[in-house]
C-alpha cells in the first residue's frame, strides 16, 4: 500500500516497557503502534483545546461580571 502522506513525522524515545505495552495494545486492536499513538495524541490535543475553551469562557464571564459590577456601582 504505502505512498505519500500529508502527515508530518515525529520521533520520540520511550522506555522499553512502554514500547512493549504499546506493541501489545496495537496487536490486540489489530492496529499499528503509530495508529495507537496518533489516536492518543489526537485525543489529548482535543481535550486540551476543550479545557482551554472552558478557561476562556470562564475568564470572559469573569470579565463581564466585573464590568457589570463596576457599571452598577457608578
C-alpha atoms as a PDB file:
ATOM      1  CA  UNK A   1       0.000   0.000   0.000  1.00  0.00           C
ATOM      2  CA  UNK A   2       2.438   2.725   1.118  1.00  0.00           C
ATOM      3  CA  UNK A   3       2.712   6.033  -0.612  1.00  0.00           C
ATOM      4  CA  UNK A   4       2.977   9.681   0.199  1.00  0.00           C
ATOM      5  CA  UNK A   5       1.088  11.063   3.139  1.00  0.00           C
ATOM      6  CA  UNK A   6       0.220  14.551   4.296  1.00  0.00           C
ATOM      7  CA  UNK A   7       1.116  13.657   7.869  1.00  0.00           C
ATOM      8  CA  UNK A   8       4.275  15.023   9.478  1.00  0.00           C
ATOM      9  CA  UNK A   9       6.675  12.641  11.170  1.00  0.00           C
ATOM     10  CA  UNK A  10       7.683  12.967  14.816  1.00  0.00           C
ATOM     11  CA  UNK A  11      10.334  10.994  16.658  1.00  0.00           C
ATOM     12  CA  UNK A  12      10.381  10.348  20.385  1.00  0.00           C
ATOM     13  CA  UNK A  13      12.070   7.990  22.778  1.00  0.00           C
ATOM     14  CA  UNK A  14      10.194   5.910  25.331  1.00  0.00           C
ATOM     15  CA  UNK A  15      11.103   3.222  27.807  1.00  0.00           C
ATOM     16  CA  UNK A  16      11.274  -0.356  26.523  1.00  0.00           C
ATOM     17  CA  UNK A  17       8.414  -1.221  28.900  1.00  0.00           C
ATOM     18  CA  UNK A  18       6.133   1.394  27.326  1.00  0.00           C
ATOM     19  CA  UNK A  19       7.098   0.241  23.854  1.00  0.00           C
ATOM     20  CA  UNK A  20       6.257  -3.354  24.714  1.00  0.00           C
ATOM     21  CA  UNK A  21       2.926  -2.318  26.197  1.00  0.00           C
ATOM     22  CA  UNK A  22       2.090  -0.232  23.125  1.00  0.00           C
ATOM     23  CA  UNK A  23       3.006  -3.123  20.843  1.00  0.00           C
ATOM     24  CA  UNK A  24       0.728  -5.462  22.804  1.00  0.00           C
ATOM     25  CA  UNK A  25      -2.096  -2.913  22.668  1.00  0.00           C
ATOM     26  CA  UNK A  26      -1.626  -2.436  18.938  1.00  0.00           C
ATOM     27  CA  UNK A  27      -1.669  -6.184  18.362  1.00  0.00           C
ATOM     28  CA  UNK A  28      -4.883  -6.562  20.403  1.00  0.00           C
ATOM     29  CA  UNK A  29      -6.511  -3.794  18.345  1.00  0.00           C
ATOM     30  CA  UNK A  30      -5.070  -5.124  15.085  1.00  0.00           C
ATOM     31  CA  UNK A  31      -3.521  -1.713  14.518  1.00  0.00           C
ATOM     32  CA  UNK A  32      -0.030  -0.305  14.309  1.00  0.00           C
ATOM     33  CA  UNK A  33       1.756   1.384  17.192  1.00  0.00           C
ATOM     34  CA  UNK A  34       1.770   4.536  15.066  1.00  0.00           C
ATOM     35  CA  UNK A  35      -2.025   4.414  14.762  1.00  0.00           C
ATOM     36  CA  UNK A  36      -2.410   3.981  18.542  1.00  0.00           C
ATOM     37  CA  UNK A  37      -0.085   6.936  19.174  1.00  0.00           C
ATOM     38  CA  UNK A  38      -1.881   9.058  16.570  1.00  0.00           C
ATOM     39  CA  UNK A  39      -5.204   8.455  18.335  1.00  0.00           C
ATOM     40  CA  UNK A  40      -3.728   9.097  21.799  1.00  0.00           C
ATOM     41  CA  UNK A  41      -2.163  12.367  20.686  1.00  0.00           C
ATOM     42  CA  UNK A  42      -5.336  13.421  18.873  1.00  0.00           C
ATOM     43  CA  UNK A  43      -7.460  12.733  21.972  1.00  0.00           C
ATOM     44  CA  UNK A  44      -5.016  14.589  24.239  1.00  0.00           C
ATOM     45  CA  UNK A  45      -4.981  17.625  21.936  1.00  0.00           C
ATOM     46  CA  UNK A  46      -8.770  17.646  21.699  1.00  0.00           C
ATOM     47  CA  UNK A  47      -9.053  17.509  25.493  1.00  0.00           C
ATOM     48  CA  UNK A  48      -6.503  20.322  25.829  1.00  0.00           C
ATOM     49  CA  UNK A  49      -8.438  22.507  23.369  1.00  0.00           C
ATOM     50  CA  UNK A  50     -11.676  21.902  25.260  1.00  0.00           C
ATOM     51  CA  UNK A  51     -10.020  22.784  28.570  1.00  0.00           C
ATOM     52  CA  UNK A  52      -8.601  25.983  27.077  1.00  0.00           C
ATOM     53  CA  UNK A  53     -12.045  26.917  25.731  1.00  0.00           C
ATOM     54  CA  UNK A  54     -13.558  26.296  29.168  1.00  0.00           C
ATOM     55  CA  UNK A  55     -10.931  28.526  30.767  1.00  0.00           C
ATOM     56  CA  UNK A  56     -11.510  31.251  28.150  1.00  0.00           C
ATOM     57  CA  UNK A  57     -15.246  31.036  28.737  1.00  0.00           C
ATOM     58  CA  UNK A  58     -14.815  31.366  32.489  1.00  0.00           C
ATOM     59  CA  UNK A  59     -12.428  34.300  32.007  1.00  0.00           C
ATOM     60  CA  UNK A  60     -14.920  36.007  29.696  1.00  0.00           C
ATOM     61  CA  UNK A  61     -17.690  35.530  32.247  1.00  0.00           C
ATOM     62  CA  UNK A  62     -15.440  36.883  34.983  1.00  0.00           C
ATOM     63  CA  UNK A  63     -14.554  39.977  32.951  1.00  0.00           C
ATOM     64  CA  UNK A  64     -18.203  40.516  32.023  1.00  0.00           C
ATOM     65  CA  UNK A  65     -19.228  40.140  35.667  1.00  0.00           C
ATOM     66  CA  UNK A  66     -16.614  42.649  36.820  1.00  0.00           C
ATOM     67  CA  UNK A  67     -17.663  45.120  34.119  1.00  0.00           C
ATOM     68  CA  UNK A  68     -21.312  44.764  35.106  1.00  0.00           C
ATOM     69  CA  UNK A  69     -20.494  45.213  38.793  1.00  0.00           C
ATOM     70  CA  UNK A  70     -18.400  48.307  38.047  1.00  0.00           C
ATOM     71  CA  UNK A  71     -21.149  49.882  35.934  1.00  0.00           C
ATOM     72  CA  UNK A  72     -23.740  49.190  38.655  1.00  0.00           C
ATOM     73  CA  UNK A  73     -21.568  50.998  41.208  1.00  0.00           C
ATOM     74  CA  UNK A  74     -21.486  54.129  39.041  1.00  0.00           C
END
